[in-house]
All heavy atoms as atom14 arrays in JSON, in Angstrom:
{
  "sequence": "TRSASLMLRKLGLSLYLACLGLDAGKDFLETVVRPEGMLWVGLGF",
  "atom14_mask": [
    [1, 1, 1, 1, 1, 1, 1, 0, 0, 0, 0, 0, 0, 0],
    [1, 1, 1, 1, 1, 1, 1, 1, 1, 1, 1, 0, 0, 0],
    [1, 1, 1, 1, 1, 1, 0, 0, 0, 0, 0, 0, 0, 0],
    [1, 1, 1, 1, 1, 0, 0, 0, 0, 0, 0, 0, 0, 0],
    [1, 1, 1, 1, 1, 1, 0, 0, 0, 0, 0, 0, 0, 0],
    [1, 1, 1, 1, 1, 1, 1, 1, 0, 0, 0, 0, 0, 0],
    [1, 1, 1, 1, 1, 1, 1, 1, 0, 0, 0, 0, 0, 0],
    [1, 1, 1, 1, 1, 1, 1, 1, 0, 0, 0, 0, 0, 0],
    [1, 1, 1, 1, 1, 1, 1, 1, 1, 1, 1, 0, 0, 0],
    [1, 1, 1, 1, 1, 1, 1, 1, 1, 0, 0, 0, 0, 0],
    [1, 1, 1, 1, 1, 1, 1, 1, 0, 0, 0, 0, 0, 0],
    [1, 1, 1, 1, 0, 0, 0, 0, 0, 0, 0, 0, 0, 0],
    [1, 1, 1, 1, 1, 1, 1, 1, 0, 0, 0, 0, 0, 0],
    [1, 1, 1, 1, 1, 1, 0, 0, 0, 0, 0, 0, 0, 0],
    [1, 1, 1, 1, 1, 1, 1, 1, 0, 0, 0, 0, 0, 0],
    [1, 1, 1, 1, 1, 1, 1, 1, 1, 1, 1, 1, 0, 0],
    [1, 1, 1, 1, 1, 1, 1, 1, 0, 0, 0, 0, 0, 0],
    [1, 1, 1, 1, 1, 0, 0, 0, 0, 0, 0, 0, 0, 0],
    [1, 1, 1, 1, 1, 1, 0, 0, 0, 0, 0, 0, 0, 0],
    [1, 1, 1, 1, 1, 1, 1, 1, 0, 0, 0, 0, 0, 0],
    [1, 1, 1, 1, 0, 0, 0, 0, 0, 0, 0, 0, 0, 0],
    [1, 1, 1, 1, 1, 1, 1, 1, 0, 0, 0, 0, 0, 0],
    [1, 1, 1, 1, 1, 1, 1, 1, 0, 0, 0, 0, 0, 0],
    [1, 1, 1, 1, 1, 0, 0, 0, 0, 0, 0, 0, 0, 0],
    [1, 1, 1, 1, 0, 0, 0, 0, 0, 0, 0, 0, 0, 0],
    [1, 1, 1, 1, 1, 1, 1, 1, 1, 0, 0, 0, 0, 0],
    [1, 1, 1, 1, 1, 1, 1, 1, 0, 0, 0, 0, 0, 0],
    [1, 1, 1, 1, 1, 1, 1, 1, 1, 1, 1, 0, 0, 0],
    [1, 1, 1, 1, 1, 1, 1, 1, 0, 0, 0, 0, 0, 0],
    [1, 1, 1, 1, 1, 1, 1, 1, 1, 0, 0, 0, 0, 0],
    [1, 1, 1, 1, 1, 1, 1, 0, 0, 0, 0, 0, 0, 0],
    [1, 1, 1, 1, 1, 1, 1, 0, 0, 0, 0, 0, 0, 0],
    [1, 1, 1, 1, 1, 1, 1, 0, 0, 0, 0, 0, 0, 0],
    [1, 1, 1, 1, 1, 1, 1, 1, 1, 1, 1, 0, 0, 0],
    [1, 1, 1, 1, 1, 1, 1, 0, 0, 0, 0, 0, 0, 0],
    [1, 1, 1, 1, 1, 1, 1, 1, 1, 0, 0, 0, 0, 0],
    [1, 1, 1, 1, 0, 0, 0, 0, 0, 0, 0, 0, 0, 0],
    [1, 1, 1, 1, 1, 1, 1, 1, 0, 0, 0, 0, 0, 0],
    [1, 1, 1, 1, 1, 1, 1, 1, 0, 0, 0, 0, 0, 0],
    [1, 1, 1, 1, 1, 1, 1, 1, 1, 1, 1, 1, 1, 1],
    [1, 1, 1, 1, 1, 1, 1, 0, 0, 0, 0, 0, 0, 0],
    [1, 1, 1, 1, 0, 0, 0, 0, 0, 0, 0, 0, 0, 0],
    [1, 1, 1, 1, 1, 1, 1, 1, 0, 0, 0, 0, 0, 0],
    [1, 1, 1, 1, 0, 0, 0, 0, 0, 0, 0, 0, 0, 0],
    [1, 1, 1, 1, 1, 1, 1, 1, 1, 1, 1, 0, 0, 0]
  ],
  "atom14_positions": [
    [[-19.89, -16.55, 33.08], [-19.17, -17.73, 33.57], [-17.83, -17.84, 32.86], [-17.67, -17.44, 31.72], [-19.99, -19.0, 33.32], [-20.23, -19.15, 31.92], [-21.33, -18.93, 34.04], [0.0, 0.0, 0.0], [0.0, 0.0, 0.0], [0.0, 0.0, 0.0], [0.0, 0.0, 0.0], [0.0, 0.0, 0.0], [0.0, 0.0, 0.0], [0.0, 0.0, 0.0]],
    [[-16.87, -18.43, 33.56], [-15.51, -18.54, 33.02], [-15.54, -19.37, 31.72], [-14.87, -19.05, 30.74], [-14.61, -19.2, 34.04], [-13.16, -19.33, 33.6], [-12.33, -19.97, 34.72], [-12.23, -19.09, 35.86], [-11.26, -18.2, 36.0], [-10.33, -18.07, 35.07], [-11.2, -17.44, 37.08], [0.0, 0.0, 0.0], [0.0, 0.0, 0.0], [0.0, 0.0, 0.0]],
    [[-16.33, -20.46, 31.71], [-16.36, -21.31, 30.52], [-17.0, -20.58, 29.34], [-16.53, -20.69, 28.2], [-17.14, -22.59, 30.82], [-18.45, -22.3, 31.25], [0.0, 0.0, 0.0], [0.0, 0.0, 0.0], [0.0, 0.0, 0.0], [0.0, 0.0, 0.0], [0.0, 0.0, 0.0], [0.0, 0.0, 0.0], [0.0, 0.0, 0.0], [0.0, 0.0, 0.0]],
    [[-18.08, -19.8, 29.6], [-18.71, -19.06, 28.52], [-17.79, -17.98, 27.99], [-17.7, -17.78, 26.76], [-20.02, -18.43, 29.04], [0.0, 0.0, 0.0], [0.0, 0.0, 0.0], [0.0, 0.0, 0.0], [0.0, 0.0, 0.0], [0.0, 0.0, 0.0], [0.0, 0.0, 0.0], [0.0, 0.0, 0.0], [0.0, 0.0, 0.0], [0.0, 0.0, 0.0]],
    [[-17.07, -17.31, 28.88], [-16.13, -16.26, 28.45], [-15.01, -16.85, 27.58], [-14.65, -16.3, 26.54], [-15.54, -15.54, 29.66], [-14.56, -14.62, 29.28], [0.0, 0.0, 0.0], [0.0, 0.0, 0.0], [0.0, 0.0, 0.0], [0.0, 0.0, 0.0], [0.0, 0.0, 0.0], [0.0, 0.0, 0.0], [0.0, 0.0, 0.0], [0.0, 0.0, 0.0]],
    [[-14.5, -18.01, 28.01], [-13.44, -18.65, 27.26], [-13.92, -19.09, 25.88], [-13.23, -18.92, 24.87], [-12.9, -19.86, 28.02], [-11.77, -20.69, 27.35], [-10.55, -19.81, 27.13], [-11.42, -21.9, 28.2], [0.0, 0.0, 0.0], [0.0, 0.0, 0.0], [0.0, 0.0, 0.0], [0.0, 0.0, 0.0], [0.0, 0.0, 0.0], [0.0, 0.0, 0.0]],
    [[-15.15, -19.64, 25.83], [-15.68, -20.09, 24.55], [-15.91, -18.92, 23.6], [-15.58, -19.02, 22.39], [-16.99, -20.85, 24.77], [-17.59, -21.36, 23.47], [-19.09, -22.34, 23.7], [-19.47, -22.74, 22.0], [0.0, 0.0, 0.0], [0.0, 0.0, 0.0], [0.0, 0.0, 0.0], [0.0, 0.0, 0.0], [0.0, 0.0, 0.0], [0.0, 0.0, 0.0]],
    [[-16.45, -17.81, 24.11], [-16.68, -16.64, 23.26], [-15.35, -16.09, 22.72], [-15.28, -15.66, 21.57], [-17.44, -15.57, 24.03], [-18.92, -15.89, 24.33], [-19.51, -14.83, 25.22], [-19.71, -16.03, 23.03], [0.0, 0.0, 0.0], [0.0, 0.0, 0.0], [0.0, 0.0, 0.0], [0.0, 0.0, 0.0], [0.0, 0.0, 0.0], [0.0, 0.0, 0.0]],
    [[-14.31, -16.05, 23.57], [-13.02, -15.56, 23.09], [-12.44, -16.47, 22.01], [-11.94, -15.98, 20.99], [-12.02, -15.44, 24.27], [-12.41, -14.43, 25.32], [-11.22, -13.98, 26.15], [-10.5, -15.07, 26.73], [-10.76, -15.62, 27.93], [-11.79, -15.17, 28.63], [-10.01, -16.61, 28.4], [0.0, 0.0, 0.0], [0.0, 0.0, 0.0], [0.0, 0.0, 0.0]],
    [[-12.52, -17.77, 22.24], [-12.01, -18.72, 21.25], [-12.8, -18.65, 19.94], [-12.24, -18.7, 18.85], [-12.05, -20.15, 21.81], [-11.08, -20.4, 22.95], [-9.64, -20.54, 22.46], [-8.71, -20.96, 23.57], [-7.29, -21.06, 23.11], [0.0, 0.0, 0.0], [0.0, 0.0, 0.0], [0.0, 0.0, 0.0], [0.0, 0.0, 0.0], [0.0, 0.0, 0.0]],
    [[-14.11, -18.57, 20.08], [-14.95, -18.48, 18.89], [-14.68, -17.22, 18.11], [-14.53, -17.25, 16.89], [-16.44, -18.55, 19.29], [-17.46, -18.36, 18.18], [-17.33, -19.49, 17.13], [-18.89, -18.33, 18.72], [0.0, 0.0, 0.0], [0.0, 0.0, 0.0], [0.0, 0.0, 0.0], [0.0, 0.0, 0.0], [0.0, 0.0, 0.0], [0.0, 0.0, 0.0]],
    [[-14.61, -16.08, 18.79], [-14.35, -14.82, 18.13], [-13.0, -14.81, 17.41], [-12.92, -14.39, 16.26], [0.0, 0.0, 0.0], [0.0, 0.0, 0.0], [0.0, 0.0, 0.0], [0.0, 0.0, 0.0], [0.0, 0.0, 0.0], [0.0, 0.0, 0.0], [0.0, 0.0, 0.0], [0.0, 0.0, 0.0], [0.0, 0.0, 0.0], [0.0, 0.0, 0.0]],
    [[-11.97, -15.3, 18.09], [-10.65, -15.31, 17.48], [-10.58, -16.29, 16.31], [-9.95, -15.99, 15.3], [-9.6, -15.67, 18.54], [-8.13, -15.6, 18.09], [-7.78, -14.2, 17.61], [-7.19, -16.02, 19.22], [0.0, 0.0, 0.0], [0.0, 0.0, 0.0], [0.0, 0.0, 0.0], [0.0, 0.0, 0.0], [0.0, 0.0, 0.0], [0.0, 0.0, 0.0]],
    [[-11.24, -17.43, 16.42], [-11.27, -18.41, 15.32], [-11.94, -17.8, 14.08], [-11.43, -17.95, 12.96], [-12.0, -19.67, 15.75], [-11.35, -20.31, 16.81], [0.0, 0.0, 0.0], [0.0, 0.0, 0.0], [0.0, 0.0, 0.0], [0.0, 0.0, 0.0], [0.0, 0.0, 0.0], [0.0, 0.0, 0.0], [0.0, 0.0, 0.0], [0.0, 0.0, 0.0]],
    [[-13.06, -17.13, 14.27], [-13.75, -16.49, 13.14], [-12.86, -15.44, 12.5], [-12.75, -15.33, 11.26], [-15.06, -15.87, 13.61], [-16.18, -16.84, 14.03], [-17.34, -16.07, 14.62], [-16.66, -17.67, 12.83], [0.0, 0.0, 0.0], [0.0, 0.0, 0.0], [0.0, 0.0, 0.0], [0.0, 0.0, 0.0], [0.0, 0.0, 0.0], [0.0, 0.0, 0.0]],
    [[-12.23, -14.63, 13.33], [-11.37, -13.56, 12.81], [-10.2, -14.11, 12.03], [-9.92, -13.65, 10.91], [-10.86, -12.71, 14.0], [-9.78, -11.74, 13.67], [-10.0, -10.65, 12.83], [-8.48, -11.9, 14.16], [-8.99, -9.75, 12.49], [-7.46, -11.0, 13.85], [-7.74, -9.92, 13.05], [-6.72, -9.06, 12.72], [0.0, 0.0, 0.0], [0.0, 0.0, 0.0]],
    [[-9.53, -15.12, 12.54], [-8.35, -15.66, 11.87], [-8.73, -16.38, 10.58], [-8.0, -16.31, 9.59], [-7.6, -16.62, 12.82], [-6.96, -15.98, 14.04], [-6.32, -17.04, 14.92], [-5.92, -14.94, 13.63], [0.0, 0.0, 0.0], [0.0, 0.0, 0.0], [0.0, 0.0, 0.0], [0.0, 0.0, 0.0], [0.0, 0.0, 0.0], [0.0, 0.0, 0.0]],
    [[-9.85, -17.09, 10.59], [-10.29, -17.8, 9.38], [-10.56, -16.79, 8.27], [-10.12, -17.01, 7.11], [-11.53, -18.63, 9.69], [0.0, 0.0, 0.0], [0.0, 0.0, 0.0], [0.0, 0.0, 0.0], [0.0, 0.0, 0.0], [0.0, 0.0, 0.0], [0.0, 0.0, 0.0], [0.0, 0.0, 0.0], [0.0, 0.0, 0.0], [0.0, 0.0, 0.0]],
    [[-11.26, -15.73, 8.57], [-11.57, -14.73, 7.56], [-10.33, -13.96, 7.11], [-10.15, -13.67, 5.91], [-12.63, -13.73, 8.1], [-14.21, -14.5, 8.42], [0.0, 0.0, 0.0], [0.0, 0.0, 0.0], [0.0, 0.0, 0.0], [0.0, 0.0, 0.0], [0.0, 0.0, 0.0], [0.0, 0.0, 0.0], [0.0, 0.0, 0.0], [0.0, 0.0, 0.0]],
    [[-9.47, -13.65, 8.06], [-8.24, -12.93, 7.75], [-7.35, -13.75, 6.8], [-6.83, -13.25, 5.81], [-7.48, -12.62, 9.03], [-6.32, -11.61, 8.94], [-6.84, -10.23, 8.6], [-5.58, -11.57, 10.29], [0.0, 0.0, 0.0], [0.0, 0.0, 0.0], [0.0, 0.0, 0.0], [0.0, 0.0, 0.0], [0.0, 0.0, 0.0], [0.0, 0.0, 0.0]],
    [[-7.22, -15.03, 7.11], [-6.41, -15.9, 6.26], [-7.01, -16.1, 4.87], [-6.32, -16.08, 3.86], [0.0, 0.0, 0.0], [0.0, 0.0, 0.0], [0.0, 0.0, 0.0], [0.0, 0.0, 0.0], [0.0, 0.0, 0.0], [0.0, 0.0, 0.0], [0.0, 0.0, 0.0], [0.0, 0.0, 0.0], [0.0, 0.0, 0.0], [0.0, 0.0, 0.0]],
    [[-8.33, -16.29, 4.83], [-9.03, -16.49, 3.56], [-8.89, -15.27, 2.66], [-8.67, -15.4, 1.45], [-10.51, -16.77, 3.84], [-11.36, -17.19, 2.63], [-10.85, -18.51, 2.04], [-12.83, -17.33, 3.04], [0.0, 0.0, 0.0], [0.0, 0.0, 0.0], [0.0, 0.0, 0.0], [0.0, 0.0, 0.0], [0.0, 0.0, 0.0], [0.0, 0.0, 0.0]],
    [[-8.94, -14.07, 3.26], [-8.82, -12.86, 2.47], [-7.4, -12.65, 1.98], [-7.17, -12.21, 0.84], [-9.27, -11.66, 3.33], [-9.34, -10.38, 2.54], [-9.85, -10.4, 1.39], [-8.87, -9.33, 3.05], [0.0, 0.0, 0.0], [0.0, 0.0, 0.0], [0.0, 0.0, 0.0], [0.0, 0.0, 0.0], [0.0, 0.0, 0.0], [0.0, 0.0, 0.0]],
    [[-6.41, -12.98, 2.82], [-4.99, -12.78, 2.45], [-4.52, -13.85, 1.47], [-3.61, -13.6, 0.68], [-4.13, -12.79, 3.68], [0.0, 0.0, 0.0], [0.0, 0.0, 0.0], [0.0, 0.0, 0.0], [0.0, 0.0, 0.0], [0.0, 0.0, 0.0], [0.0, 0.0, 0.0], [0.0, 0.0, 0.0], [0.0, 0.0, 0.0], [0.0, 0.0, 0.0]],
    [[-5.11, -15.03, 1.5], [-4.6, -16.15, 0.72], [-4.75, -15.99, -0.77], [-3.93, -16.5, -1.55], [0.0, 0.0, 0.0], [0.0, 0.0, 0.0], [0.0, 0.0, 0.0], [0.0, 0.0, 0.0], [0.0, 0.0, 0.0], [0.0, 0.0, 0.0], [0.0, 0.0, 0.0], [0.0, 0.0, 0.0], [0.0, 0.0, 0.0], [0.0, 0.0, 0.0]],
    [[-5.76, -15.24, -1.23], [-6.02, -15.19, -2.67], [-4.93, -14.48, -3.46], [-4.7, -14.8, -4.61], [-7.39, -14.53, -2.93], [-7.51, -13.09, -2.48], [-8.91, -12.55, -2.75], [-9.07, -11.09, -2.4], [-8.87, -10.83, -0.97], [0.0, 0.0, 0.0], [0.0, 0.0, 0.0], [0.0, 0.0, 0.0], [0.0, 0.0, 0.0], [0.0, 0.0, 0.0]],
    [[-4.25, -13.51, -2.82], [-3.2, -12.76, -3.54], [-1.82, -12.99, -2.96], [-0.85, -12.41, -3.43], [-3.51, -11.25, -3.46], [-4.82, -10.89, -4.11], [-5.12, -11.5, -5.17], [-5.54, -10.02, -3.59], [0.0, 0.0, 0.0], [0.0, 0.0, 0.0], [0.0, 0.0, 0.0], [0.0, 0.0, 0.0], [0.0, 0.0, 0.0], [0.0, 0.0, 0.0]],
    [[-1.73, -13.89, -1.96], [-0.47, -14.03, -1.25], [0.65, -14.54, -2.14], [1.73, -13.93, -2.24], [-0.65, -14.96, -0.05], [0.61, -15.12, 0.76], [1.1, -14.11, 1.55], [1.29, -16.33, 0.75], [2.25, -14.25, 2.32], [2.42, -16.49, 1.48], [2.91, -15.49, 2.28], [0.0, 0.0, 0.0], [0.0, 0.0, 0.0], [0.0, 0.0, 0.0]],
    [[0.42, -15.65, -2.82], [1.49, -16.27, -3.6], [1.85, -15.39, -4.8], [3.05, -15.26, -5.13], [1.04, -17.66, -4.1], [2.13, -18.49, -4.79], [3.28, -18.74, -3.81], [1.56, -19.81, -5.28], [0.0, 0.0, 0.0], [0.0, 0.0, 0.0], [0.0, 0.0, 0.0], [0.0, 0.0, 0.0], [0.0, 0.0, 0.0], [0.0, 0.0, 0.0]],
    [[0.87, -14.75, -5.44], [1.18, -13.88, -6.58], [2.06, -12.75, -6.21], [2.97, -12.36, -6.94], [-0.13, -13.35, -7.19], [-1.0, -14.38, -7.85], [-2.24, -13.76, -8.44], [-2.33, -12.5, -8.48], [-3.16, -14.51, -8.83], [0.0, 0.0, 0.0], [0.0, 0.0, 0.0], [0.0, 0.0, 0.0], [0.0, 0.0, 0.0], [0.0, 0.0, 0.0]],
    [[1.83, -12.21, -5.05], [2.64, -11.06, -4.57], [4.04, -11.51, -4.19], [5.02, -10.82, -4.45], [1.96, -10.36, -3.37], [0.61, -10.08, -3.7], [2.68, -9.1, -3.0], [0.0, 0.0, 0.0], [0.0, 0.0, 0.0], [0.0, 0.0, 0.0], [0.0, 0.0, 0.0], [0.0, 0.0, 0.0], [0.0, 0.0, 0.0], [0.0, 0.0, 0.0]],
    [[4.13, -12.66, -3.54], [5.42, -13.16, -3.08], [6.35, -13.44, -4.25], [7.58, -13.16, -4.18], [5.24, -14.43, -2.22], [6.59, -15.1, -1.95], [4.58, -14.07, -0.89], [0.0, 0.0, 0.0], [0.0, 0.0, 0.0], [0.0, 0.0, 0.0], [0.0, 0.0, 0.0], [0.0, 0.0, 0.0], [0.0, 0.0, 0.0], [0.0, 0.0, 0.0]],
    [[5.82, -13.95, -5.35], [6.7, -14.32, -6.48], [7.1, -13.11, -7.31], [7.91, -13.25, -8.24], [6.01, -15.36, -7.4], [5.75, -16.67, -6.64], [4.7, -14.81, -7.97], [0.0, 0.0, 0.0], [0.0, 0.0, 0.0], [0.0, 0.0, 0.0], [0.0, 0.0, 0.0], [0.0, 0.0, 0.0], [0.0, 0.0, 0.0], [0.0, 0.0, 0.0]],
    [[6.58, -11.95, -7.0], [7.04, -10.75, -7.69], [8.5, -10.49, -7.34], [9.0, -10.94, -6.3], [6.18, -9.54, -7.3], [4.75, -9.61, -7.79], [3.92, -8.49, -7.27], [4.49, -7.18, -7.6], [3.96, -6.02, -7.28], [2.78, -6.02, -6.62], [4.52, -4.88, -7.62], [0.0, 0.0, 0.0], [0.0, 0.0, 0.0], [0.0, 0.0, 0.0]],
    [[9.26, -9.74, -8.15], [10.69, -9.51, -7.88], [10.96, -8.98, -6.46], [11.91, -9.41, -5.81], [11.07, -8.48, -8.95], [10.11, -8.7, -10.07], [8.83, -9.12, -9.42], [0.0, 0.0, 0.0], [0.0, 0.0, 0.0], [0.0, 0.0, 0.0], [0.0, 0.0, 0.0], [0.0, 0.0, 0.0], [0.0, 0.0, 0.0], [0.0, 0.0, 0.0]],
    [[10.13, -8.05, -6.03], [10.41, -7.49, -4.71], [9.66, -8.24, -3.6], [9.81, -7.95, -2.42], [9.99, -5.99, -4.67], [8.49, -5.74, -4.71], [7.99, -5.64, -6.13], [8.65, -6.15, -7.07], [6.91, -5.06, -6.34], [0.0, 0.0, 0.0], [0.0, 0.0, 0.0], [0.0, 0.0, 0.0], [0.0, 0.0, 0.0], [0.0, 0.0, 0.0]],
    [[8.85, -9.24, -3.99], [8.0, -9.92, -3.03], [8.79, -10.6, -1.9], [8.49, -10.41, -0.72], [0.0, 0.0, 0.0], [0.0, 0.0, 0.0], [0.0, 0.0, 0.0], [0.0, 0.0, 0.0], [0.0, 0.0, 0.0], [0.0, 0.0, 0.0], [0.0, 0.0, 0.0], [0.0, 0.0, 0.0], [0.0, 0.0, 0.0], [0.0, 0.0, 0.0]],
    [[9.8, -11.43, -2.26], [10.57, -12.15, -1.26], [11.37, -11.19, -0.38], [11.55, -11.45, 0.83], [11.51, -13.16, -1.95], [10.8, -14.33, -2.6], [9.74, -15.23, -1.44], [10.94, -15.83, -0.27], [0.0, 0.0, 0.0], [0.0, 0.0, 0.0], [0.0, 0.0, 0.0], [0.0, 0.0, 0.0], [0.0, 0.0, 0.0], [0.0, 0.0, 0.0]],
    [[11.85, -10.11, -0.97], [12.56, -9.11, -0.17], [11.63, -8.49, 0.87], [12.0, -8.35, 2.03], [13.13, -8.01, -1.08], [13.8, -6.81, -0.36], [15.01, -7.28, 0.42], [14.15, -5.74, -1.36], [0.0, 0.0, 0.0], [0.0, 0.0, 0.0], [0.0, 0.0, 0.0], [0.0, 0.0, 0.0], [0.0, 0.0, 0.0], [0.0, 0.0, 0.0]],
    [[10.42, -8.17, 0.44], [9.44, -7.6, 1.38], [9.12, -8.58, 2.52], [9.05, -8.19, 3.68], [8.15, -7.24, 0.62], [8.26, -5.98, -0.17], [9.36, -5.19, -0.32], [7.24, -5.39, -0.96], [9.09, -4.15, -1.16], [7.77, -4.23, -1.58], [5.92, -5.72, -1.27], [7.06, -3.4, -2.41], [5.19, -4.9, -2.11], [5.76, -3.75, -2.66]],
    [[8.95, -9.87, 2.16], [8.62, -10.86, 3.18], [9.75, -10.95, 4.2], [9.51, -10.99, 5.42], [8.36, -12.24, 2.51], [8.27, -13.31, 3.58], [7.07, -12.19, 1.7], [0.0, 0.0, 0.0], [0.0, 0.0, 0.0], [0.0, 0.0, 0.0], [0.0, 0.0, 0.0], [0.0, 0.0, 0.0], [0.0, 0.0, 0.0], [0.0, 0.0, 0.0]],
    [[11.0, -11.0, 3.69], [12.14, -11.11, 4.59], [12.31, -9.88, 5.48], [12.54, -10.01, 6.7], [0.0, 0.0, 0.0], [0.0, 0.0, 0.0], [0.0, 0.0, 0.0], [0.0, 0.0, 0.0], [0.0, 0.0, 0.0], [0.0, 0.0, 0.0], [0.0, 0.0, 0.0], [0.0, 0.0, 0.0], [0.0, 0.0, 0.0], [0.0, 0.0, 0.0]],
    [[12.14, -8.7, 4.9], [12.25, -7.48, 5.7], [11.13, -7.4, 6.74], [11.38, -6.99, 7.88], [12.21, -6.26, 4.76], [13.39, -6.06, 3.83], [13.18, -4.84, 2.95], [14.69, -5.89, 4.59], [0.0, 0.0, 0.0], [0.0, 0.0, 0.0], [0.0, 0.0, 0.0], [0.0, 0.0, 0.0], [0.0, 0.0, 0.0], [0.0, 0.0, 0.0]],
    [[9.94, -7.76, 6.34], [8.83, -7.72, 7.26], [9.02, -8.65, 8.45], [8.75, -8.31, 9.6], [0.0, 0.0, 0.0], [0.0, 0.0, 0.0], [0.0, 0.0, 0.0], [0.0, 0.0, 0.0], [0.0, 0.0, 0.0], [0.0, 0.0, 0.0], [0.0, 0.0, 0.0], [0.0, 0.0, 0.0], [0.0, 0.0, 0.0], [0.0, 0.0, 0.0]],
    [[9.58, -9.84, 8.16], [9.84, -10.8, 9.22], [10.88, -10.24, 10.2], [10.76, -10.37, 11.42], [10.32, -12.12, 8.63], [10.45, -13.22, 9.64], [9.34, -13.78, 10.21], [11.71, -13.66, 10.02], [9.48, -14.8, 11.17], [11.86, -14.67, 10.96], [10.73, -15.25, 11.54], [0.0, 0.0, 0.0], [0.0, 0.0, 0.0], [0.0, 0.0, 0.0]]
  ]
}
């Protein structure tokens, strides 16, 4: 069903993004404040 498909897509993406952010958050600020950190962030953007 369309509603079931939409819910499964939203649920799957929510789980993925929550875990992805939680894993990236622990080292994010430490890496950014390194001398080359801000340069890397700007170049990546």
